[in-house]
PDB file of N, CA and C in Angstrom:
ATOM      1  N   ASP A   1       0.890  -1.194   0.003  1.00  0.00           N
ATOM      2  CA  ASP A   1      -0.038   0.157   0.048  1.00  0.00           C
ATOM      3  C   ASP A   1       0.952   1.270   0.004  1.00  0.00           C
ATOM      4  N   SER A   2       2.056   1.318   0.705  1.00  0.00           N
ATOM      5  CA  SER A   2       2.631   2.526   0.870  1.00  0.00           C
ATOM      6  C   SER A   2       3.537   2.933  -0.580  1.00  0.00           C
ATOM      7  N   TRP A   3       3.953   1.694  -1.134  1.00  0.00           N
ATOM      8  CA  TRP A   3       4.546   1.992  -2.579  1.00  0.00           C
ATOM      9  C   TRP A   3       3.671   2.597  -3.583  1.00  0.00           C
ATOM     10  N   LEU A   4       2.093   1.896  -3.479  1.00  0.00           N
ATOM     11  CA  LEU A   4       1.575   2.572  -4.183  1.00  0.00           C
ATOM     12  C   LEU A   4       0.872   4.105  -4.120  1.00  0.00           C
ATOM     13  N   SER A   5       0.842   4.292  -2.489  1.00  0.00           N
ATOM     14  CA  SER A   5       0.781   5.536  -2.448  1.00  0.00           C
ATOM     15  C   SER A   5       2.031   6.653  -2.631  1.00  0.00           C
ATOM     16  N   GLU A   6       3.155   6.233  -2.493  1.00  0.00           N
ATOM     17  CA  GLU A   6       4.200   7.037  -2.883  1.00  0.00           C
ATOM     18  C   GLU A   6       4.019   7.018  -4.587  1.00  0.00           C
ATOM     19  N   GLU A   7       3.495   6.347  -5.460  1.00  0.00           N
ATOM     20  CA  GLU A   7       3.704   6.184  -6.731  1.00  0.00           C
ATOM     21  C   GLU A   7       2.390   6.847  -7.450  1.00  0.00           C
ATOM     22  N   GLY A   8       1.756   7.470  -6.553  1.00  0.00           N
ATOM     23  CA  GLY A   8       0.426   7.877  -6.709  1.00  0.00           C
ATOM     24  C   GLY A   8      -0.730   6.798  -7.601  1.00  0.00           C
ATOM     25  N   ILE A   9      -0.701   5.715  -7.191  1.00  0.00           N
ATOM     26  CA  ILE A   9      -1.802   5.039  -8.247  1.00  0.00           C
ATOM     27  C   ILE A   9      -2.462   4.359  -7.112  1.00  0.00           C
ATOM     28  N   ARG A  10      -2.268   4.120  -6.107  1.00  0.00           N
ATOM     29  CA  ARG A  10      -3.237   3.660  -5.071  1.00  0.00           C
ATOM     30  C   ARG A  10      -4.735   3.603  -5.454  1.00  0.00           C
ATOM     31  N   ARG A  11      -5.389   4.624  -5.750  1.00  0.00           N
ATOM     32  CA  ARG A  11      -6.921   4.801  -5.838  1.00  0.00           C
ATOM     33  C   ARG A  11      -6.916   4.129  -7.081  1.00  0.00           C
ATOM     34  N   GLU A  12      -6.211   4.237  -8.418  1.00  0.00           N
ATOM     35  CA  GLU A  12      -6.509   3.515  -9.507  1.00  0.00           C
ATOM     36  C   GLU A  12      -6.559   1.873  -9.428  1.00  0.00           C
ATOM     37  N   VAL A  13      -5.400   1.536  -8.891  1.00  0.00           N
ATOM     38  CA  VAL A  13      -5.259   0.045  -8.522  1.00  0.00           C
ATOM     39  C   VAL A  13      -6.339  -0.571  -7.569  1.00  0.00           C
ATOM     40  N   SER A  14      -6.539   0.467  -6.706  1.00  0.00           N
ATOM     41  CA  SER A  14      -8.025  -0.196  -5.740  1.00  0.00           C
ATOM     42  C   SER A  14      -9.156  -0.507  -6.340  1.00  0.00           C
ATOM     43  N   ALA A  15      -9.330   0.638  -7.310  1.00  0.00           N
ATOM     44  CA  ALA A  15     -10.802   0.771  -7.990  1.00  0.00           C
ATOM     45  C   ALA A  15     -10.668  -0.564  -9.088  1.00  0.00           C
ATOM     46  N   THR A  16      -9.742  -0.588  -9.836  1.00  0.00           N
ATOM     47  CA  THR A  16      -9.424  -1.823 -10.375  1.00  0.00           C
ATOM     48  C   THR A  16      -9.612  -3.333 -10.152  1.00  0.00           C
ATOM     49  N   ALA A  17      -8.903  -3.186  -9.141  1.00  0.00           N
ATOM     50  CA  ALA A  17      -9.121  -4.377  -8.017  1.00  0.00           C
ATOM     51  C   ALA A  17     -10.474  -4.793  -7.678  1.00  0.00           C
ATOM     52  N   ILE A  18     -11.182  -3.735  -7.163  1.00  0.00           N
ATOM     53  CA  ILE A  18     -12.865  -3.775  -6.697  1.00  0.00           C
ATOM     54  C   ILE A  18     -13.417  -4.354  -7.868  1.00  0.00           C
ATOM     55  N   LYS A  19     -13.343  -3.894  -8.834  1.00  0.00           N
ATOM     56  CA  LYS A  19     -14.127  -3.896 -10.025  1.00  0.00           C
ATOM     57  C   LYS A  19     -13.873  -5.358 -10.780  1.00  0.00           C
ATOM     58  N   ARG A  20     -12.720  -6.054 -10.517  1.00  0.00           N
ATOM     59  CA  ARG A  20     -12.337  -7.264 -11.071  1.00  0.00           C
ATOM     60  C   ARG A  20     -13.006  -8.436 -10.025  1.00  0.00           C
ATOM     61  N   VAL A  21     -12.951  -7.875  -9.074  1.00  0.00           N
ATOM     62  CA  VAL A  21     -13.559  -8.799  -7.560  1.00  0.00           C
ATOM     63  C   VAL A  21     -14.944  -8.736  -8.023  1.00  0.00           C
ATOM     64  N   LEU A  22     -15.939  -7.856  -8.231  1.00  0.00           N
ATOM     65  CA  LEU A  22     -17.306  -7.716  -8.657  1.00  0.00           C
ATOM     66  C   LEU A  22     -17.821  -8.412  -9.665  1.00  0.00           C
ATOM     67  N   ALA A  23     -16.738  -8.221 -10.755  1.00  0.00           N
ATOM     68  CA  ALA A  23     -16.797  -9.126 -12.220  1.00  0.00           C
ATOM     69  C   ALA A  23     -17.193 -10.329 -11.897  1.00  0.00           C
ATOM     70  N   ARG A  24     -16.079 -10.897 -10.982  1.00  0.00           N
ATOM     71  CA  ARG A  24     -15.629 -12.139 -10.726  1.00  0.00           C
ATOM     72  C   ARG A  24     -16.758 -12.890 -10.131  1.00  0.00           C
ATOM     73  N   GLU A  25     -17.386 -11.823  -9.210  1.00  0.00           N
ATOM     74  CA  GLU A  25     -18.578 -12.677  -8.129  1.00  0.00           C
ATOM     75  C   GLU A  25     -19.867 -12.707  -9.046  1.00  0.00           C
ATOM     76  N   VAL A  26     -19.921 -12.120  -9.752  1.00  0.00           N
ATOM     77  CA  VAL A  26     -21.090 -11.667 -10.766  1.00  0.00           C
ATOM     78  C   VAL A  26     -21.043 -13.070 -11.705  1.00  0.00           C
ATOM     79  N   GLU A  27     -19.945 -13.145 -12.280  1.00  0.00           N
ATOM     80  CA  GLU A  27     -20.018 -14.582 -13.161  1.00  0.00           C
ATOM     81  C   GLU A  27     -20.029 -15.629 -12.131  1.00  0.00           C
ATOM     82  N   ALA A  28     -19.494 -15.824 -11.120  1.00  0.00           N
ATOM     83  CA  ALA A  28     -19.618 -16.947 -10.420  1.00  0.00           C
ATOM     84  C   ALA A  28     -21.007 -17.342  -9.956  1.00  0.00           C
ATOM     85  N   ALA A  29     -21.828 -16.303  -9.583  1.00  0.00           N
ATOM     86  CA  ALA A  29     -23.278 -16.356  -9.281  1.00  0.00           C
ATOM     87  C   ALA A  29     -24.132 -16.904 -10.573  1.00  0.00           C
ATOM     88  N   MET A  30     -23.676 -16.420 -11.296  1.00  0.00           N
ATOM     89  CA  MET A  30     -24.233 -16.501 -12.694  1.00  0.00           C
ATOM     90  C   MET A  30     -23.905 -18.187 -13.127  1.00  0.00           C
ATOM     91  N   ARG A  31     -22.754 -18.716 -13.192  1.00  0.00           N
ATOM     92  CA  ARG A  31     -22.458 -20.027 -13.100  1.00  0.00           C
ATOM     93  C   ARG A  31     -23.242 -20.990 -12.423  1.00  0.00           C
ATOM     94  N   GLU A  32     -23.136 -20.197 -11.100  1.00  0.00           N
ATOM     95  CA  GLU A  32     -24.040 -21.079  -9.886  1.00  0.00           C
ATOM     96  C   GLU A  32     -25.605 -21.479 -10.216  1.00  0.00           C
ATOM     97  N   LYS A  33     -26.242 -20.203 -10.687  1.00  0.00           N
ATOM     98  CA  LYS A  33     -27.622 -20.286 -11.151  1.00  0.00           C
ATOM     99  C   LYS A  33     -27.844 -20.820 -12.512  1.00  0.00           C
ATOM    100  N   LYS A  34     -26.558 -21.085 -13.267  1.00  0.00           N
ATOM    101  CA  LYS A  34     -26.684 -21.561 -14.402  1.00  0.00           C
ATOM    102  C   LYS A  34     -27.767 -20.480 -15.526  1.00  0.00           C
ATOM    103  N   PHE A  35     -27.450 -19.325 -15.283  1.00  0.00           N
ATOM    104  CA  PHE A  35     -27.646 -18.337 -16.257  1.00  0.00           C
ATOM    105  C   PHE A  35     -26.571 -18.061 -17.311  1.00  0.00           C
ATOM    106  N   SER A  36     -27.503 -18.126 -18.438  1.00  0.00           N
ATOM    107  CA  SER A  36     -26.352 -17.493 -19.537  1.00  0.00           C
ATOM    108  C   SER A  36     -26.427 -16.049 -19.598  1.00  0.00           C
ATOM    109  N   LYS A  37     -25.794 -15.490 -20.366  1.00  0.00           N
ATOM    110  CA  LYS A  37     -25.879 -13.927 -20.488  1.00  0.00           C
ATOM    111  C   LYS A  37     -26.784 -13.360 -20.610  1.00  0.00           C
ATOM    112  N   ALA A  38     -27.753 -13.888 -21.701  1.00  0.00           N
ATOM    113  CA  ALA A  38     -29.198 -13.595 -22.551  1.00  0.00           C
ATOM    114  C   ALA A  38     -30.346 -13.671 -21.046  1.00  0.00           C
ATOM    115  N   GLU A  39     -30.123 -14.456 -20.529  1.00  0.00           N
ATOM    116  CA  GLU A  39     -31.057 -14.594 -19.357  1.00  0.00           C
ATOM    117  C   GLU A  39     -30.651 -13.557 -18.286  1.00  0.00           C
ATOM    118  N   MET A  40     -29.444 -13.674 -17.942  1.00  0.00           N
ATOM    119  CA  MET A  40     -29.020 -12.635 -16.878  1.00  0.00           C
ATOM    120  C   MET A  40     -29.319 -11.434 -17.133  1.00  0.00           C
ATOM    121  N   ALA A  41     -29.219 -10.987 -18.493  1.00  0.00           N
ATOM    122  CA  ALA A  41     -29.653  -9.353 -18.768  1.00  0.00           C
ATOM    123  C   ALA A  41     -31.078  -9.408 -18.940  1.00  0.00           C
ATOM    124  N   ARG A  42     -31.916 -10.467 -19.063  1.00  0.00           N
ATOM    125  CA  ARG A  42     -33.339 -10.502 -18.880  1.00  0.00           C
ATOM    126  C   ARG A  42     -33.767 -10.137 -17.631  1.00  0.00           C
ATOM    127  N   ARG A  43     -32.965 -10.826 -16.777  1.00  0.00           N
ATOM    128  CA  ARG A  43     -33.395 -10.856 -15.258  1.00  0.00           C
ATOM    129  C   ARG A  43     -33.100  -9.286 -14.790  1.00  0.00           C
ATOM    130  N   MET A  44     -32.249  -8.698 -15.545  1.00  0.00           N
ATOM    131  CA  MET A  44     -31.627  -7.227 -14.859  1.00  0.00           C
ATOM    132  C   MET A  44     -32.504  -6.082 -15.451  1.00  0.00           C
ATOM    133  N   HIS A  45     -33.392  -6.786 -16.587  1.00  0.00           N
ATOM    134  CA  HIS A  45     -33.762  -5.733 -17.376  1.00  0.00           C
ATOM    135  C   HIS A  45     -32.705  -4.605 -18.293  1.00  0.00           C
ATOM    136  N   THR A  46     -31.718  -5.015 -18.500  1.00  0.00           N
ATOM    137  CA  THR A  46     -30.946  -4.518 -19.318  1.00  0.00           C
ATOM    138  C   THR A  46     -30.505  -5.221 -20.786  1.00  0.00           C
ATOM    139  N   SER A  47     -29.651  -4.351 -21.114  1.00  0.00           N
ATOM    140  CA  SER A  47     -29.049  -5.062 -22.426  1.00  0.00           C
ATOM    141  C   SER A  47     -27.874  -6.225 -22.262  1.00  0.00           C
ATOM    142  N   ARG A  48     -27.667  -6.739 -23.132  1.00  0.00           N
ATOM    143  CA  ARG A  48     -26.401  -7.834 -23.007  1.00  0.00           C
ATOM    144  C   ARG A  48     -25.293  -6.930 -22.817  1.00  0.00           C
ATOM    145  N   ALA A  49     -25.243  -5.904 -23.814  1.00  0.00           N
ATOM    146  CA  ALA A  49     -23.942  -4.915 -23.928  1.00  0.00           C
ATOM    147  C   ALA A  49     -23.807  -4.309 -22.356  1.00  0.00           C
ATOM    148  N   ALA A  50     -24.941  -4.074 -21.739  1.00  0.00           N
ATOM    149  CA  ALA A  50     -24.778  -3.290 -20.341  1.00  0.00           C
ATOM    150  C   ALA A  50     -24.119  -4.307 -19.122  1.00  0.00           C
ATOM    151  N   LEU A  51     -24.119  -5.818 -19.682  1.00  0.00           N
ATOM    152  CA  LEU A  51     -24.162  -6.765 -19.037  1.00  0.00           C
ATOM    153  C   LEU A  51     -22.397  -7.062 -19.296  1.00  0.00           C
ATOM    154  N   ASP A  52     -22.276  -6.953 -20.655  1.00  0.00           N
ATOM    155  CA  ASP A  52     -20.841  -7.307 -21.013  1.00  0.00           C
ATOM    156  C   ASP A  52     -19.888  -6.424 -20.507  1.00  0.00           C
ATOM    157  N   ARG A  53     -20.621  -5.030 -20.226  1.00  0.00           N
ATOM    158  CA  ARG A  53     -19.741  -3.833 -19.516  1.00  0.00           C
ATOM    159  C   ARG A  53     -19.666  -4.380 -17.792  1.00  0.00           C
ATOM    160  N   LEU A  54     -20.262  -5.084 -17.136  1.00  0.00           N
ATOM    161  CA  LEU A  54     -20.437  -5.304 -16.100  1.00  0.00           C
ATOM    162  C   LEU A  54     -19.446  -6.099 -15.982  1.00  0.00           C
ATOM    163  N   LEU A  55     -19.224  -7.074 -16.556  1.00  0.00           N
ATOM    164  CA  LEU A  55     -18.440  -8.487 -16.662  1.00  0.00           C
ATOM    165  C   LEU A  55     -17.047  -8.199 -16.995  1.00  0.00           C
ATOM    166  N   ASP A  56     -16.752  -6.857 -17.744  1.00  0.00           N
ATOM    167  CA  ASP A  56     -15.522  -6.582 -17.973  1.00  0.00           C
ATOM    168  C   ASP A  56     -14.622  -6.062 -16.712  1.00  0.00           C
ATOM    169  N   PRO A  57     -13.507  -6.830 -16.596  1.00  0.00           N
ATOM    170  CA  PRO A  57     -12.612  -6.158 -15.414  1.00  0.00           C
ATOM    171  C   PRO A  57     -12.248  -4.829 -15.672  1.00  0.00           C
ATOM    172  N   GLU A  58     -12.104  -4.529 -16.967  1.00  0.00           N
ATOM    173  CA  GLU A  58     -11.238  -3.369 -17.039  1.00  0.00           C
ATOM    174  C   GLU A  58     -12.174  -1.814 -17.080  1.00  0.00           C
ATOM    175  N   TYR A  59     -13.396  -2.244 -17.348  1.00  0.00           N
ATOM    176  CA  TYR A  59     -14.646  -1.180 -17.452  1.00  0.00           C
ATOM    177  C   TYR A  59     -15.134  -1.000 -16.232  1.00  0.00           C
ATOM    178  N   GLU A  60     -14.553   0.325 -15.630  1.00  0.00           N
ATOM    179  CA  GLU A  60     -14.700   0.787 -13.984  1.00  0.00           C
ATOM    180  C   GLU A  60     -16.114   1.522 -14.290  1.00  0.00           C
ATOM    181  N   ALA A  61     -16.838   1.960 -15.039  1.00  0.00           N
ATOM    182  CA  ALA A  61     -17.783   3.114 -15.157  1.00  0.00           C
ATOM    183  C   ALA A  61     -19.121   2.391 -15.045  1.00  0.00           C
ATOM    184  N   VAL A  62     -19.056   1.338 -14.090  1.00  0.00           N
ATOM    185  CA  VAL A  62     -20.748   0.810 -13.640  1.00  0.00           C
ATOM    186  C   VAL A  62     -21.160   1.575 -12.835  1.00  0.00           C
ATOM    187  N   THR A  63     -22.583   1.452 -13.060  1.00  0.00           N
ATOM    188  CA  THR A  63     -23.576   2.334 -11.593  1.00  0.00           C
ATOM    189  C   THR A  63     -23.984   1.568 -10.994  1.00  0.00           C
ATOM    190  N   LEU A  64     -24.094   2.163  -9.700  1.00  0.00           N
ATOM    191  CA  LEU A  64     -24.827   1.397  -8.719  1.00  0.00           C
ATOM    192  C   LEU A  64     -26.144   0.758  -8.950  1.00  0.00           C
ATOM    193  N   SER A  65     -26.958   1.458  -9.722  1.00  0.00           N
ATOM    194  CA  SER A  65     -28.041   0.663 -10.374  1.00  0.00           C
ATOM    195  C   SER A  65     -27.808  -0.508 -11.129  1.00  0.00           C
ATOM    196  N   THR A  66     -26.815  -0.675 -11.914  1.00  0.00           N
ATOM    197  CA  THR A  66     -26.569  -2.127 -12.656  1.00  0.00           C
ATOM    198  C   THR A  66     -26.131  -3.004 -11.643  1.00  0.00           C
ATOM    199  N   LEU A  67     -25.331  -2.432 -10.720  1.00  0.00           N
ATOM    200  CA  LEU A  67     -24.884  -3.714  -9.616  1.00  0.00           C
ATOM    201  C   LEU A  67     -25.842  -3.831  -8.742  1.00  0.00           C
ATOM    202  N   ARG A  68     -26.757  -3.105  -8.399  1.00  0.00           N
ATOM    203  CA  ARG A  68     -27.956  -3.724  -7.603  1.00  0.00           C
ATOM    204  C   ARG A  68     -28.674  -4.485  -8.312  1.00  0.00           C
ATOM    205  N   LYS A  69     -29.190  -4.588  -9.700  1.00  0.00           N
ATOM    206  CA  LYS A  69     -29.929  -5.368 -10.825  1.00  0.00           C
ATOM    207  C   LYS A  69     -29.171  -6.533 -10.879  1.00  0.00           C
ATOM    208  N   ALA A  70     -27.742  -6.529 -10.699  1.00  0.00           N
ATOM    209  CA  ALA A  70     -26.957  -7.893 -11.022  1.00  0.00           C
ATOM    210  C   ALA A  70     -27.418  -8.670  -9.803  1.00  0.00           C
ATOM    211  N   ALA A  71     -26.998  -8.214  -8.379  1.00  0.00           N
ATOM    212  CA  ALA A  71     -27.153  -8.942  -7.155  1.00  0.00           C
ATOM    213  C   ALA A  71     -28.504  -9.435  -6.989  1.00  0.00           C
ATOM    214  N   THR A  72     -29.684  -8.407  -7.255  1.00  0.00           N
ATOM    215  CA  THR A  72     -30.905  -8.912  -7.312  1.00  0.00           C
ATOM    216  C   THR A  72     -31.564 -10.229  -8.198  1.00  0.00           C
ATOM    217  N   ALA A  73     -30.876 -10.221  -9.584  1.00  0.00           N
ATOM    218  CA  ALA A  73     -30.672 -11.150 -10.455  1.00  0.00           C
ATOM    219  C   ALA A  73     -30.409 -12.247 -10.011  1.00  0.00           C
ATOM    220  N   VAL A  74     -29.640 -12.550  -9.132  1.00  0.00           N
ATOM    221  CA  VAL A  74     -28.853 -13.828  -8.958  1.00  0.00           C
ATOM    222  C   VAL A  74     -29.095 -14.025  -7.167  1.00  0.00           C
ATOM    223  N   GLY A  75     -29.914 -13.397  -6.696  1.00  0.00           N
ATOM    224  CA  GLY A  75     -30.630 -13.461  -5.281  1.00  0.00           C
ATOM    225  C   GLY A  75     -29.737 -13.178  -4.219  1.00  0.00           C
ATOM    226  N   ARG A  76     -28.545 -12.152  -4.491  1.00  0.00           N
ATOM    227  CA  ARG A  76     -27.651 -11.789  -3.765  1.00  0.00           C
ATOM    228  C   ARG A  76     -27.908 -10.484  -3.309  1.00  0.00           C
ATOM    229  N   GLU A  77     -27.469  -9.858  -2.317  1.00  0.00           N
ATOM    230  CA  GLU A  77     -27.629  -8.238  -1.797  1.00  0.00           C
ATOM    231  C   GLU A  77     -26.286  -7.190  -2.058  1.00  0.00           C
ATOM    232  N   LEU A  78     -26.397  -6.507  -2.426  1.00  0.00           N
ATOM    233  CA  LEU A  78     -25.087  -5.615  -2.684  1.00  0.00           C
ATOM    234  C   LEU A  78     -25.096  -4.591  -1.701  1.00  0.00           C
ATOM    235  N   ARG A  79     -24.088  -4.467  -0.854  1.00  0.00           N
ATOM    236  CA  ARG A  79     -23.557  -3.799   0.026  1.00  0.00           C
ATOM    237  C   ARG A  79     -22.535  -2.827  -0.156  1.00  0.00           C
ATOM    238  N   LEU A  80     -22.303  -1.843   0.221  1.00  0.00           N
ATOM    239  CA  LEU A  80     -21.315  -0.598   0.042  1.00  0.00           C
ATOM    240  C   LEU A  80     -20.958  -0.398   1.260  1.00  0.00           C
ATOM    241  N   GLU A  81     -19.712  -0.004   1.427  1.00  0.00           N
ATOM    242  CA  GLU A  81     -18.945   0.647   2.945  1.00  0.00           C
ATOM    243  C   GLU A  81     -17.889   1.456   2.350  1.00  0.00           C
ATOM    244  N   LEU A  82     -18.027   2.816   3.474  1.00  0.00           N
ATOM    245  CA  LEU A  82     -17.221   3.943   3.302  1.00  0.00           C
ATOM    246  C   LEU A  82     -16.426   3.876   4.578  1.00  0.00           C
ATOM    247  N   ARG A  83     -14.864   3.478   4.039  1.00  0.00           N
ATOM    248  CA  ARG A  83     -14.188   3.499   5.352  1.00  0.00           C
ATOM    249  C   ARG A  83     -13.077   4.959   5.557  1.00  0.00           C
TER     250      ARG A  83
END
């Protein structure tokens, strides 16, 4: 953490890591429920393109609404925390 802070990239690296974890968790939940991308997008009331952006570990501009829809679609709860 200190090296990342010294280099001025701590926030960027943290945001990327969080997004990758979220994408993996959504994919794992989809596999567990045996949902295809088309089925998941239908349950989220969104497009396949929006789901693809959510599942893309490099795409960080995902909205809270999209995350909430994904969690609900797989029977999970979205929780956020400020520290």
